[in-house]
Amino acid sequence: MSDQSASSPVLAFSTALADLVRSAAPSLVSVLSKRARSTGFSWRPGLIVAAENALPDEEEVSIVAHGGASSPAEIVGRDPSSDVALLRVARTDLAQAPASAGAPAAGALAIVAGAREGAPSASLGVVSFVGPQWRSLRGGVIDARIELDAALTRSSEGGLALDAEGRAFGMAVFGPRRRTLVIPMATIDRVAELLSTKGRIARGYLGLGLQAVKLDGGGVGAMAISVDAKGPGAAAGVRQGDIIEAWNGEPIRGVHHLVRALGPDSVGASVRLTLRRAGEPVEATLTIGERPESR
């Protein structure tokens, strides 16, 4: 290598990026099942965090650690509302990547570090957006909205988003229209802690099967096409065919609007529903229940 190439800023930059991925690799694992391949990372000794939507239902799962050693894994719990799943493995020697105190600013460089059959994978991108706390389509509270302009493959989903110092600021997952989103470490820590102790995250339950319908005024309501006879909706007097038009006095914006309102913090809350029944307005007060595990 010539002196000129050794002092090249491009080469130095490239080497620094490779070093960041190399440092993170021991904390990354491939998550394997018969139908899916994704990435996970060591959260605590013997516990692996992975992307919930990348895990198949009711299938055996294993991990392949850095270097190629395979181990069976048990799904401790999963939370679709935050896209966080927690796995337990017999190994307690996997390294943990250093965590960042917060997300880089928009415009900062970021690396998505994943794993493929025990070997590291990486993609370089830019933090394209950093916004405030938000609710997912399934009602989960995500501590910050972080978007990356970086390539994400199925095998690297669940990998670590690293800042320019190699610190992990979250987990890279697919968002709407295959946009790359980052679930912040603060969200992961909060959800994984609950999964490790309870195995699940409570979600609100109305006891209603809902279908979006157009309202006469041009808005969108939610029709109760089924009512759980033992659910909160039935207890509040909601009947099959009733159309929910407003929630606590605010017009709803469709079924997704209601689902987003049924996060873990909604259980036990009372809400005022404005209904349309056979063309007539009806008011009902409903106490949100906890969704049964089988639903």
C-alpha atoms as a PDB file:
ATOM      1  CA  MET A   1       0.000   0.000   0.000  1.00  0.00           C
ATOM      2  CA  SER A   2       1.388   3.388  -0.961  1.00  0.00           C
ATOM      3  CA  ASP A   3       1.764   6.256   1.491  1.00  0.00           C
ATOM      4  CA  GLN A   4      -0.873   8.143  -0.486  1.00  0.00           C
ATOM      5  CA  SER A   5      -3.480   5.378  -0.166  1.00  0.00           C
ATOM      6  CA  ALA A   6      -2.664   4.899   3.522  1.00  0.00           C
ATOM      7  CA  SER A   7      -3.448   8.556   4.187  1.00  0.00           C
ATOM      8  CA  SER A   8      -6.561   8.651   1.988  1.00  0.00           C
ATOM      9  CA  PRO A   9      -9.518  10.122   3.895  1.00  0.00           C
ATOM     10  CA  VAL A  10     -11.876   7.869   1.925  1.00  0.00           C
ATOM     11  CA  LEU A  11      -9.943   4.780   2.983  1.00  0.00           C
ATOM     12  CA  ALA A  12      -9.839   5.981   6.588  1.00  0.00           C
ATOM     13  CA  PHE A  13     -13.609   6.564   6.525  1.00  0.00           C
ATOM     14  CA  SER A  14     -14.237   3.137   5.012  1.00  0.00           C
ATOM     15  CA  THR A  15     -12.032   1.451   7.585  1.00  0.00           C
ATOM     16  CA  ALA A  16     -13.769   3.274  10.433  1.00  0.00           C
ATOM     17  CA  LEU A  17     -17.192   2.099   9.234  1.00  0.00           C
ATOM     18  CA  ALA A  18     -15.977  -1.492   8.971  1.00  0.00           C
ATOM     19  CA  ASP A  19     -14.559  -1.241  12.496  1.00  0.00           C
ATOM     20  CA  LEU A  20     -17.949  -0.107  13.840  1.00  0.00           C
ATOM     21  CA  VAL A  21     -19.696  -3.110  12.300  1.00  0.00           C
ATOM     22  CA  ARG A  22     -16.946  -5.449  13.513  1.00  0.00           C
ATOM     23  CA  SER A  23     -17.354  -4.139  17.065  1.00  0.00           C
ATOM     24  CA  ALA A  24     -21.135  -4.653  17.009  1.00  0.00           C
ATOM     25  CA  ALA A  25     -21.010  -8.124  15.420  1.00  0.00           C
ATOM     26  CA  PRO A  26     -20.543 -10.138  18.675  1.00  0.00           C
ATOM     27  CA  SER A  27     -23.852  -8.787  19.997  1.00  0.00           C
ATOM     28  CA  LEU A  28     -25.813  -9.740  16.847  1.00  0.00           C
ATOM     29  CA  VAL A  29     -27.442 -13.070  16.043  1.00  0.00           C
ATOM     30  CA  SER A  30     -29.293 -14.541  13.107  1.00  0.00           C
ATOM     31  CA  VAL A  31     -32.842 -15.553  14.070  1.00  0.00           C
ATOM     32  CA  LEU A  32     -33.950 -18.612  12.102  1.00  0.00           C
ATOM     33  CA  SER A  33     -37.122 -20.605  11.609  1.00  0.00           C
ATOM     34  CA  LYS A  34     -38.413 -22.801   8.816  1.00  0.00           C
ATOM     35  CA  ARG A  35     -39.991 -19.833   7.046  1.00  0.00           C
ATOM     36  CA  ALA A  36     -38.094 -16.727   8.100  1.00  0.00           C
ATOM     37  CA  ARG A  37     -34.640 -15.223   8.528  1.00  0.00           C
ATOM     38  CA  SER A  38     -34.036 -12.055  10.509  1.00  0.00           C
ATOM     39  CA  THR A  39     -31.643 -10.498  13.029  1.00  0.00           C
ATOM     40  CA  GLY A  40     -31.669 -10.134  16.791  1.00  0.00           C
ATOM     41  CA  PHE A  41     -29.298  -8.729  19.363  1.00  0.00           C
ATOM     42  CA  SER A  42     -28.245  -9.465  22.922  1.00  0.00           C
ATOM     43  CA  TRP A  43     -30.322  -7.355  25.310  1.00  0.00           C
ATOM     44  CA  ARG A  44     -29.309  -8.976  28.579  1.00  0.00           C
ATOM     45  CA  PRO A  45     -27.467 -12.218  29.365  1.00  0.00           C
ATOM     46  CA  GLY A  46     -29.539 -15.059  27.940  1.00  0.00           C
ATOM     47  CA  LEU A  47     -32.127 -12.704  26.396  1.00  0.00           C
ATOM     48  CA  ILE A  48     -32.345 -11.667  22.733  1.00  0.00           C
ATOM     49  CA  VAL A  49     -34.481  -8.868  21.281  1.00  0.00           C
ATOM     50  CA  ALA A  50     -35.838  -9.402  17.771  1.00  0.00           C
ATOM     51  CA  ALA A  51     -38.392  -7.796  15.444  1.00  0.00           C
ATOM     52  CA  GLU A  52     -41.809  -9.225  16.358  1.00  0.00           C
ATOM     53  CA  ASN A  53     -43.273  -9.051  12.852  1.00  0.00           C
ATOM     54  CA  ALA A  54     -40.339 -11.045  11.482  1.00  0.00           C
ATOM     55  CA  LEU A  55     -41.067 -14.030  13.761  1.00  0.00           C
ATOM     56  CA  PRO A  56     -43.508 -16.662  12.496  1.00  0.00           C
ATOM     57  CA  ASP A  57     -46.318 -17.861  14.734  1.00  0.00           C
ATOM     58  CA  GLU A  58     -46.025 -21.200  16.497  1.00  0.00           C
ATOM     59  CA  GLU A  59     -42.731 -22.305  14.979  1.00  0.00           C
ATOM     60  CA  GLU A  60     -39.481 -23.429  16.522  1.00  0.00           C
ATOM     61  CA  VAL A  61     -36.866 -20.693  16.499  1.00  0.00           C
ATOM     62  CA  SER A  62     -33.096 -20.863  16.782  1.00  0.00           C
ATOM     63  CA  ILE A  63     -30.259 -18.376  16.720  1.00  0.00           C
ATOM     64  CA  VAL A  64     -26.859 -18.430  15.088  1.00  0.00           C
ATOM     65  CA  ALA A  65     -24.358 -16.331  17.002  1.00  0.00           C
ATOM     66  CA  HIS A  66     -21.315 -14.522  15.652  1.00  0.00           C
ATOM     67  CA  GLY A  67     -18.907 -17.197  14.522  1.00  0.00           C
ATOM     68  CA  GLY A  68     -21.575 -19.709  13.509  1.00  0.00           C
ATOM     69  CA  ALA A  69     -22.611 -21.508  16.710  1.00  0.00           C
ATOM     70  CA  SER A  70     -26.326 -22.406  16.693  1.00  0.00           C
ATOM     71  CA  SER A  71     -28.602 -22.554  19.743  1.00  0.00           C
ATOM     72  CA  PRO A  72     -32.330 -23.210  20.223  1.00  0.00           C
ATOM     73  CA  ALA A  73     -34.382 -20.217  21.370  1.00  0.00           C
ATOM     74  CA  GLU A  74     -37.642 -19.860  23.268  1.00  0.00           C
ATOM     75  CA  ILE A  75     -40.022 -16.984  22.593  1.00  0.00           C
ATOM     76  CA  VAL A  76     -40.557 -15.371  26.001  1.00  0.00           C
ATOM     77  CA  GLY A  77     -43.076 -12.829  24.750  1.00  0.00           C
ATOM     78  CA  ARG A  78     -43.986 -10.623  21.828  1.00  0.00           C
ATOM     79  CA  ASP A  79     -45.621  -7.222  21.466  1.00  0.00           C
ATOM     80  CA  PRO A  80     -47.007  -6.480  17.985  1.00  0.00           C
ATOM     81  CA  SER A  81     -47.835  -2.900  19.015  1.00  0.00           C
ATOM     82  CA  SER A  82     -44.145  -1.985  19.402  1.00  0.00           C
ATOM     83  CA  ASP A  83     -42.659  -4.683  17.102  1.00  0.00           C
ATOM     84  CA  VAL A  84     -40.541  -6.028  19.977  1.00  0.00           C
ATOM     85  CA  ALA A  85     -40.110  -9.742  20.711  1.00  0.00           C
ATOM     86  CA  LEU A  86     -37.987 -11.314  23.423  1.00  0.00           C
ATOM     87  CA  LEU A  87     -36.219 -14.669  23.092  1.00  0.00           C
ATOM     88  CA  ARG A  88     -34.439 -16.752  25.713  1.00  0.00           C
ATOM     89  CA  VAL A  89     -31.313 -18.755  24.913  1.00  0.00           C
ATOM     90  CA  ALA A  90     -29.045 -20.899  27.070  1.00  0.00           C
ATOM     91  CA  ARG A  91     -26.015 -18.779  26.200  1.00  0.00           C
ATOM     92  CA  THR A  92     -25.179 -15.923  28.540  1.00  0.00           C
ATOM     93  CA  ASP A  93     -21.836 -14.956  27.019  1.00  0.00           C
ATOM     94  CA  LEU A  94     -23.049 -12.831  24.107  1.00  0.00           C
ATOM     95  CA  ALA A  95     -21.740  -9.267  24.135  1.00  0.00           C
ATOM     96  CA  GLN A  96     -24.033  -6.267  24.417  1.00  0.00           C
ATOM     97  CA  ALA A  97     -23.591  -3.312  22.098  1.00  0.00           C
ATOM     98  CA  PRO A  98     -23.127   0.038  23.859  1.00  0.00           C
ATOM     99  CA  ALA A  99     -26.384   2.002  23.821  1.00  0.00           C
ATOM    100  CA  SER A 100     -26.749   5.633  22.842  1.00  0.00           C
ATOM    101  CA  ALA A 101     -28.532   8.091  25.115  1.00  0.00           C
ATOM    102  CA  GLY A 102     -30.684   9.266  22.193  1.00  0.00           C
ATOM    103  CA  ALA A 103     -31.097   9.363  18.444  1.00  0.00           C
ATOM    104  CA  PRO A 104     -28.671  11.226  16.184  1.00  0.00           C
ATOM    105  CA  ALA A 105     -29.963  14.377  14.558  1.00  0.00           C
ATOM    106  CA  ALA A 106     -31.551  14.311  11.107  1.00  0.00           C
ATOM    107  CA  GLY A 107     -28.788  14.270   8.527  1.00  0.00           C
ATOM    108  CA  ALA A 108     -26.374  12.225  10.626  1.00  0.00           C
ATOM    109  CA  LEU A 109     -24.876   9.046   9.232  1.00  0.00           C
ATOM    110  CA  ALA A 110     -26.157   5.735  10.575  1.00  0.00           C
ATOM    111  CA  ILE A 111     -25.376   2.072  10.002  1.00  0.00           C
ATOM    112  CA  VAL A 112     -27.825  -0.814  10.126  1.00  0.00           C
ATOM    113  CA  ALA A 113     -25.819  -3.762  11.449  1.00  0.00           C
ATOM    114  CA  GLY A 114     -27.440  -7.155  10.936  1.00  0.00           C
ATOM    115  CA  ALA A 115     -26.465 -10.799  10.877  1.00  0.00           C
ATOM    116  CA  ARG A 116     -26.738 -13.474   8.220  1.00  0.00           C
ATOM    117  CA  GLU A 117     -25.975 -17.069   9.225  1.00  0.00           C
ATOM    118  CA  GLY A 118     -23.664 -15.801  11.957  1.00  0.00           C
ATOM    119  CA  ALA A 119     -21.750 -13.315   9.815  1.00  0.00           C
ATOM    120  CA  PRO A 120     -22.274  -9.534  10.021  1.00  0.00           C
ATOM    121  CA  SER A 121     -24.103  -7.529   7.374  1.00  0.00           C
ATOM    122  CA  ALA A 122     -24.307  -3.771   7.075  1.00  0.00           C
ATOM    123  CA  SER A 123     -25.883  -0.898   5.188  1.00  0.00           C
ATOM    124  CA  LEU A 124     -24.985   2.764   5.410  1.00  0.00           C
ATOM    125  CA  GLY A 125     -27.566   5.510   5.409  1.00  0.00           C
ATOM    126  CA  VAL A 126     -28.713   8.815   6.794  1.00  0.00           C
ATOM    127  CA  VAL A 127     -31.095   9.634   9.613  1.00  0.00           C
ATOM    128  CA  SER A 128     -33.812  11.211   7.482  1.00  0.00           C
ATOM    129  CA  PHE A 129     -36.258  12.189  10.220  1.00  0.00           C
ATOM    130  CA  VAL A 130     -36.408  12.420  14.020  1.00  0.00           C
ATOM    131  CA  GLY A 131     -39.761  13.285  15.540  1.00  0.00           C
ATOM    132  CA  PRO A 132     -41.605  13.084  18.857  1.00  0.00           C
ATOM    133  CA  GLN A 133     -43.349  10.184  20.544  1.00  0.00           C
ATOM    134  CA  TRP A 134     -45.998   8.485  18.411  1.00  0.00           C
ATOM    135  CA  ARG A 135     -48.475   5.596  18.416  1.00  0.00           C
ATOM    136  CA  SER A 136     -48.140   2.679  16.067  1.00  0.00           C
ATOM    137  CA  LEU A 137     -51.079   1.403  14.028  1.00  0.00           C
ATOM    138  CA  ARG A 138     -51.602  -1.201  16.778  1.00  0.00           C
ATOM    139  CA  GLY A 139     -51.595   1.306  19.602  1.00  0.00           C
ATOM    140  CA  GLY A 140     -48.033   0.946  20.897  1.00  0.00           C
ATOM    141  CA  VAL A 141     -46.309   4.027  22.306  1.00  0.00           C
ATOM    142  CA  ILE A 142     -42.966   4.543  20.523  1.00  0.00           C
ATOM    143  CA  ASP A 143     -40.710   7.031  22.310  1.00  0.00           C
ATOM    144  CA  ALA A 144     -39.531   8.814  19.143  1.00  0.00           C
ATOM    145  CA  ARG A 145     -40.185   8.528  15.429  1.00  0.00           C
ATOM    146  CA  ILE A 146     -36.875   7.809  13.737  1.00  0.00           C
ATOM    147  CA  GLU A 147     -36.633   7.134  10.010  1.00  0.00           C
ATOM    148  CA  LEU A 148     -33.546   6.055   8.107  1.00  0.00           C
ATOM    149  CA  ASP A 149     -32.692   6.457   4.465  1.00  0.00           C
ATOM    150  CA  ALA A 150     -30.910   3.092   4.515  1.00  0.00           C
ATOM    151  CA  ALA A 151     -31.468  -0.237   2.814  1.00  0.00           C
ATOM    152  CA  LEU A 152     -33.046  -2.939   4.958  1.00  0.00           C
ATOM    153  CA  THR A 153     -33.383  -6.587   3.966  1.00  0.00           C
ATOM    154  CA  ARG A 154     -35.519  -9.258   5.587  1.00  0.00           C
ATOM    155  CA  SER A 155     -32.437 -10.922   7.032  1.00  0.00           C
ATOM    156  CA  SER A 156     -31.228  -7.656   8.615  1.00  0.00           C
ATOM    157  CA  GLU A 157     -34.603  -6.608  10.066  1.00  0.00           C
ATOM    158  CA  GLY A 158     -34.220  -6.525  13.834  1.00  0.00           C
ATOM    159  CA  GLY A 159     -30.608  -5.397  13.545  1.00  0.00           C
ATOM    160  CA  LEU A 160     -29.036  -2.525  15.408  1.00  0.00           C
ATOM    161  CA  ALA A 161     -29.096   1.062  14.198  1.00  0.00           C
ATOM    162  CA  LEU A 162     -25.661   2.463  15.060  1.00  0.00           C
ATOM    163  CA  ASP A 163     -24.564   6.078  15.258  1.00  0.00           C
ATOM    164  CA  ALA A 164     -21.203   7.347  14.043  1.00  0.00           C
ATOM    165  CA  GLU A 165     -19.580   6.284  17.323  1.00  0.00           C
ATOM    166  CA  GLY A 166     -20.866   2.731  17.062  1.00  0.00           C
ATOM    167  CA  ARG A 167     -23.503   3.134  19.769  1.00  0.00           C
ATOM    168  CA  ALA A 168     -26.892   1.493  19.262  1.00  0.00           C
ATOM    169  CA  PHE A 169     -29.802   3.921  19.259  1.00  0.00           C
ATOM    170  CA  GLY A 170     -32.461   1.393  18.322  1.00  0.00           C
ATOM    171  CA  MET A 171     -33.636  -1.572  16.261  1.00  0.00           C
ATOM    172  CA  ALA A 172     -34.222  -1.278  12.507  1.00  0.00           C
ATOM    173  CA  VAL A 173     -37.594  -2.569  11.275  1.00  0.00           C
ATOM    174  CA  PHE A 174     -39.835  -2.221   8.243  1.00  0.00           C
ATOM    175  CA  GLY A 175     -42.455   0.503   8.450  1.00  0.00           C
ATOM    176  CA  PRO A 176     -45.302   1.382   6.062  1.00  0.00           C
ATOM    177  CA  ARG A 177     -44.364   1.128   2.381  1.00  0.00           C
ATOM    178  CA  ARG A 178     -41.162  -0.656   3.452  1.00  0.00           C
ATOM    179  CA  ARG A 179     -39.757   2.525   4.960  1.00  0.00           C
ATOM    180  CA  THR A 180     -36.925   1.816   7.417  1.00  0.00           C
ATOM    181  CA  LEU A 181     -37.967   2.782  10.931  1.00  0.00           C
ATOM    182  CA  VAL A 182     -36.015   2.572  14.177  1.00  0.00           C
ATOM    183  CA  ILE A 183     -37.604   1.408  17.425  1.00  0.00           C
ATOM    184  CA  PRO A 184     -35.670   3.468  20.011  1.00  0.00           C
ATOM    185  CA  MET A 185     -33.701   1.748  22.758  1.00  0.00           C
ATOM    186  CA  ALA A 186     -35.884   3.456  25.376  1.00  0.00           C
ATOM    187  CA  THR A 187     -38.951   1.727  23.916  1.00  0.00           C
ATOM    188  CA  ILE A 188     -37.133  -1.599  23.652  1.00  0.00           C
ATOM    189  CA  ASP A 189     -35.974  -1.461  27.271  1.00  0.00           C
ATOM    190  CA  ARG A 190     -39.462  -0.628  28.536  1.00  0.00           C
ATOM    191  CA  VAL A 191     -41.230  -3.311  26.509  1.00  0.00           C
ATOM    192  CA  ALA A 192     -38.588  -6.027  26.933  1.00  0.00           C
ATOM    193  CA  GLU A 193     -38.626  -5.517  30.703  1.00  0.00           C
ATOM    194  CA  LEU A 194     -42.377  -6.205  30.786  1.00  0.00           C
ATOM    195  CA  LEU A 195     -42.041  -9.177  28.453  1.00  0.00           C
ATOM    196  CA  SER A 196     -39.301 -10.664  30.627  1.00  0.00           C
ATOM    197  CA  THR A 197     -41.499 -10.520  33.736  1.00  0.00           C
ATOM    198  CA  LYS A 198     -45.045 -10.946  32.390  1.00  0.00           C
ATOM    199  CA  GLY A 199     -44.575 -12.509  28.961  1.00  0.00           C
ATOM    200  CA  ARG A 200     -46.983 -10.096  27.297  1.00  0.00           C
ATOM    201  CA  ILE A 201     -48.062  -6.466  26.999  1.00  0.00           C
ATOM    202  CA  ALA A 202     -51.622  -5.652  27.986  1.00  0.00           C
ATOM    203  CA  ARG A 203     -53.748  -4.168  25.191  1.00  0.00           C
ATOM    204  CA  GLY A 204     -57.136  -2.548  25.325  1.00  0.00           C
ATOM    205  CA  TYR A 205     -60.224  -4.522  24.329  1.00  0.00           C
ATOM    206  CA  LEU A 206     -63.664  -3.311  23.268  1.00  0.00           C
ATOM    207  CA  GLY A 207     -65.192  -6.715  22.607  1.00  0.00           C
ATOM    208  CA  LEU A 208     -66.389  -5.497  19.217  1.00  0.00           C
ATOM    209  CA  GLY A 209     -65.707  -6.642  15.690  1.00  0.00           C
ATOM    210  CA  LEU A 210     -65.533  -3.421  13.692  1.00  0.00           C
ATOM    211  CA  GLN A 211     -65.806  -2.506  10.028  1.00  0.00           C
ATOM    212  CA  ALA A 212     -65.260   0.930   8.516  1.00  0.00           C
ATOM    213  CA  VAL A 213     -68.355   2.559   6.993  1.00  0.00           C
ATOM    214  CA  LYS A 214     -68.987   5.900   5.318  1.00  0.00           C
ATOM    215  CA  LEU A 215     -71.156   8.361   7.192  1.00  0.00           C
ATOM    216  CA  ASP A 216     -73.834  10.529   5.613  1.00  0.00           C
ATOM    217  CA  GLY A 217     -71.825  13.661   6.392  1.00  0.00           C
ATOM    218  CA  GLY A 218     -68.799  12.380   4.517  1.00  0.00           C
ATOM    219  CA  GLY A 219     -66.811  11.076   7.490  1.00  0.00           C
ATOM    220  CA  VAL A 220     -65.898   7.519   8.426  1.00  0.00           C
ATOM    221  CA  GLY A 221     -67.415   5.495  11.249  1.00  0.00           C
ATOM    222  CA  ALA A 222     -66.897   1.996  12.647  1.00  0.00           C
ATOM    223  CA  MET A 223     -69.808  -0.440  12.551  1.00  0.00           C
ATOM    224  CA  ALA A 224     -70.032  -3.180  15.191  1.00  0.00           C
ATOM    225  CA  ILE A 225     -70.439  -6.287  13.021  1.00  0.00           C
ATOM    226  CA  SER A 226     -70.041  -8.568  16.043  1.00  0.00           C
ATOM    227  CA  VAL A 227     -70.323  -8.101  19.802  1.00  0.00           C
ATOM    228  CA  ASP A 228     -68.625 -10.315  22.385  1.00  0.00           C
ATOM    229  CA  ALA A 229     -71.468 -11.118  24.788  1.00  0.00           C
ATOM    230  CA  LYS A 230     -69.032 -11.014  27.733  1.00  0.00           C
ATOM    231  CA  GLY A 231     -66.986  -8.045  26.494  1.00  0.00           C
ATOM    232  CA  PRO A 232     -66.885  -4.355  27.452  1.00  0.00           C
ATOM    233  CA  GLY A 233     -68.969  -3.318  24.459  1.00  0.00           C
ATOM    234  CA  ALA A 234     -71.878  -5.540  25.420  1.00  0.00           C
ATOM    235  CA  ALA A 235     -71.646  -4.355  29.028  1.00  0.00           C
ATOM    236  CA  ALA A 236     -71.920  -0.768  27.776  1.00  0.00           C
ATOM    237  CA  GLY A 237     -75.039  -1.587  25.738  1.00  0.00           C
ATOM    238  CA  VAL A 238     -73.445  -1.551  22.258  1.00  0.00           C
ATOM    239  CA  ARG A 239     -75.429  -3.646  19.809  1.00  0.00           C
ATOM    240  CA  GLN A 240     -74.560  -5.334  16.545  1.00  0.00           C
ATOM    241  CA  GLY A 241     -75.129  -2.826  13.743  1.00  0.00           C
ATOM    242  CA  ASP A 242     -74.374   0.223  15.880  1.00  0.00           C
ATOM    243  CA  ILE A 243     -71.994   2.677  14.218  1.00  0.00           C
ATOM    244  CA  ILE A 244     -69.381   4.422  16.346  1.00  0.00           C
ATOM    245  CA  GLU A 245     -69.125   8.017  15.156  1.00  0.00           C
ATOM    246  CA  ALA A 246     -67.167   9.710  17.961  1.00  0.00           C
ATOM    247  CA  TRP A 247     -64.829   8.783  20.819  1.00  0.00           C
ATOM    248  CA  ASN A 248     -64.941  11.110  23.846  1.00  0.00           C
ATOM    249  CA  GLY A 249     -66.670  13.695  21.680  1.00  0.00           C
ATOM    250  CA  GLU A 250     -64.078  13.588  18.872  1.00  0.00           C
ATOM    251  CA  PRO A 251     -65.106  12.214  15.454  1.00  0.00           C
ATOM    252  CA  ILE A 252     -63.247   8.991  14.720  1.00  0.00           C
ATOM    253  CA  ARG A 253     -61.208   8.546  11.553  1.00  0.00           C
ATOM    254  CA  GLY A 254     -61.928   4.886  10.964  1.00  0.00           C
ATOM    255  CA  VAL A 255     -61.154   1.572  12.630  1.00  0.00           C
ATOM    256  CA  HIS A 256     -57.403   2.249  12.796  1.00  0.00           C
ATOM    257  CA  HIS A 257     -58.123   5.333  14.880  1.00  0.00           C
ATOM    258  CA  LEU A 258     -59.801   3.138  17.490  1.00  0.00           C
ATOM    259  CA  VAL A 259     -57.076   0.480  17.411  1.00  0.00           C
ATOM    260  CA  ARG A 260     -54.431   3.131  18.059  1.00  0.00           C
ATOM    261  CA  ALA A 261     -56.379   4.257  21.114  1.00  0.00           C
ATOM    262  CA  LEU A 262     -56.232   0.749  22.618  1.00  0.00           C
ATOM    263  CA  GLY A 263     -52.631   0.756  23.796  1.00  0.00           C
ATOM    264  CA  PRO A 264     -51.445  -0.683  27.131  1.00  0.00           C
ATOM    265  CA  ASP A 265     -52.297   2.537  28.969  1.00  0.00           C
ATOM    266  CA  SER A 266     -55.945   2.379  27.860  1.00  0.00           C
ATOM    267  CA  VAL A 267     -56.935  -0.648  29.982  1.00  0.00           C
ATOM    268  CA  GLY A 268     -59.426   0.409  32.652  1.00  0.00           C
ATOM    269  CA  ALA A 269     -60.158   3.816  31.133  1.00  0.00           C
ATOM    270  CA  SER A 270     -63.750   4.920  30.559  1.00  0.00           C
ATOM    271  CA  VAL A 271     -64.680   6.424  27.192  1.00  0.00           C
ATOM    272  CA  ARG A 272     -67.832   8.055  25.896  1.00  0.00           C
ATOM    273  CA  LEU A 273     -69.020   6.629  22.589  1.00  0.00           C
ATOM    274  CA  THR A 274     -71.347   8.470  20.247  1.00  0.00           C
ATOM    275  CA  LEU A 275     -73.268   5.844  18.290  1.00  0.00           C
ATOM    276  CA  ARG A 276     -75.715   5.831  15.408  1.00  0.00           C
ATOM    277  CA  ARG A 277     -78.408   3.162  15.905  1.00  0.00           C
ATOM    278  CA  ALA A 278     -81.087   2.748  13.243  1.00  0.00           C
ATOM    279  CA  GLY A 279     -80.460   6.339  12.227  1.00  0.00           C
ATOM    280  CA  GLU A 280     -80.783   7.742  15.745  1.00  0.00           C
ATOM    281  CA  PRO A 281     -77.944   9.089  17.977  1.00  0.00           C
ATOM    282  CA  VAL A 282     -77.133   7.063  21.108  1.00  0.00           C
ATOM    283  CA  GLU A 283     -74.547   7.698  23.841  1.00  0.00           C
ATOM    284  CA  ALA A 284     -72.749   4.901  25.684  1.00  0.00           C
ATOM    285  CA  THR A 285     -70.027   4.852  28.341  1.00  0.00           C
ATOM    286  CA  LEU A 286     -67.598   1.973  27.928  1.00  0.00           C
ATOM    287  CA  THR A 287     -64.822   0.804  30.267  1.00  0.00           C
ATOM    288  CA  ILE A 288     -61.959  -0.569  28.173  1.00  0.00           C
ATOM    289  CA  GLY A 289     -61.001  -4.119  29.119  1.00  0.00           C
ATOM    290  CA  GLU A 290     -57.806  -6.093  28.622  1.00  0.00           C
ATOM    291  CA  ARG A 291     -57.566  -8.102  25.442  1.00  0.00           C
ATOM    292  CA  PRO A 292     -57.464 -11.838  26.154  1.00  0.00           C
ATOM    293  CA  GLU A 293     -54.243 -13.585  25.171  1.00  0.00           C
ATOM    294  CA  SER A 294     -56.009 -15.687  22.543  1.00  0.00           C
ATOM    295  CA  ARG A 295     -57.214 -12.646  20.598  1.00  0.00           C
END
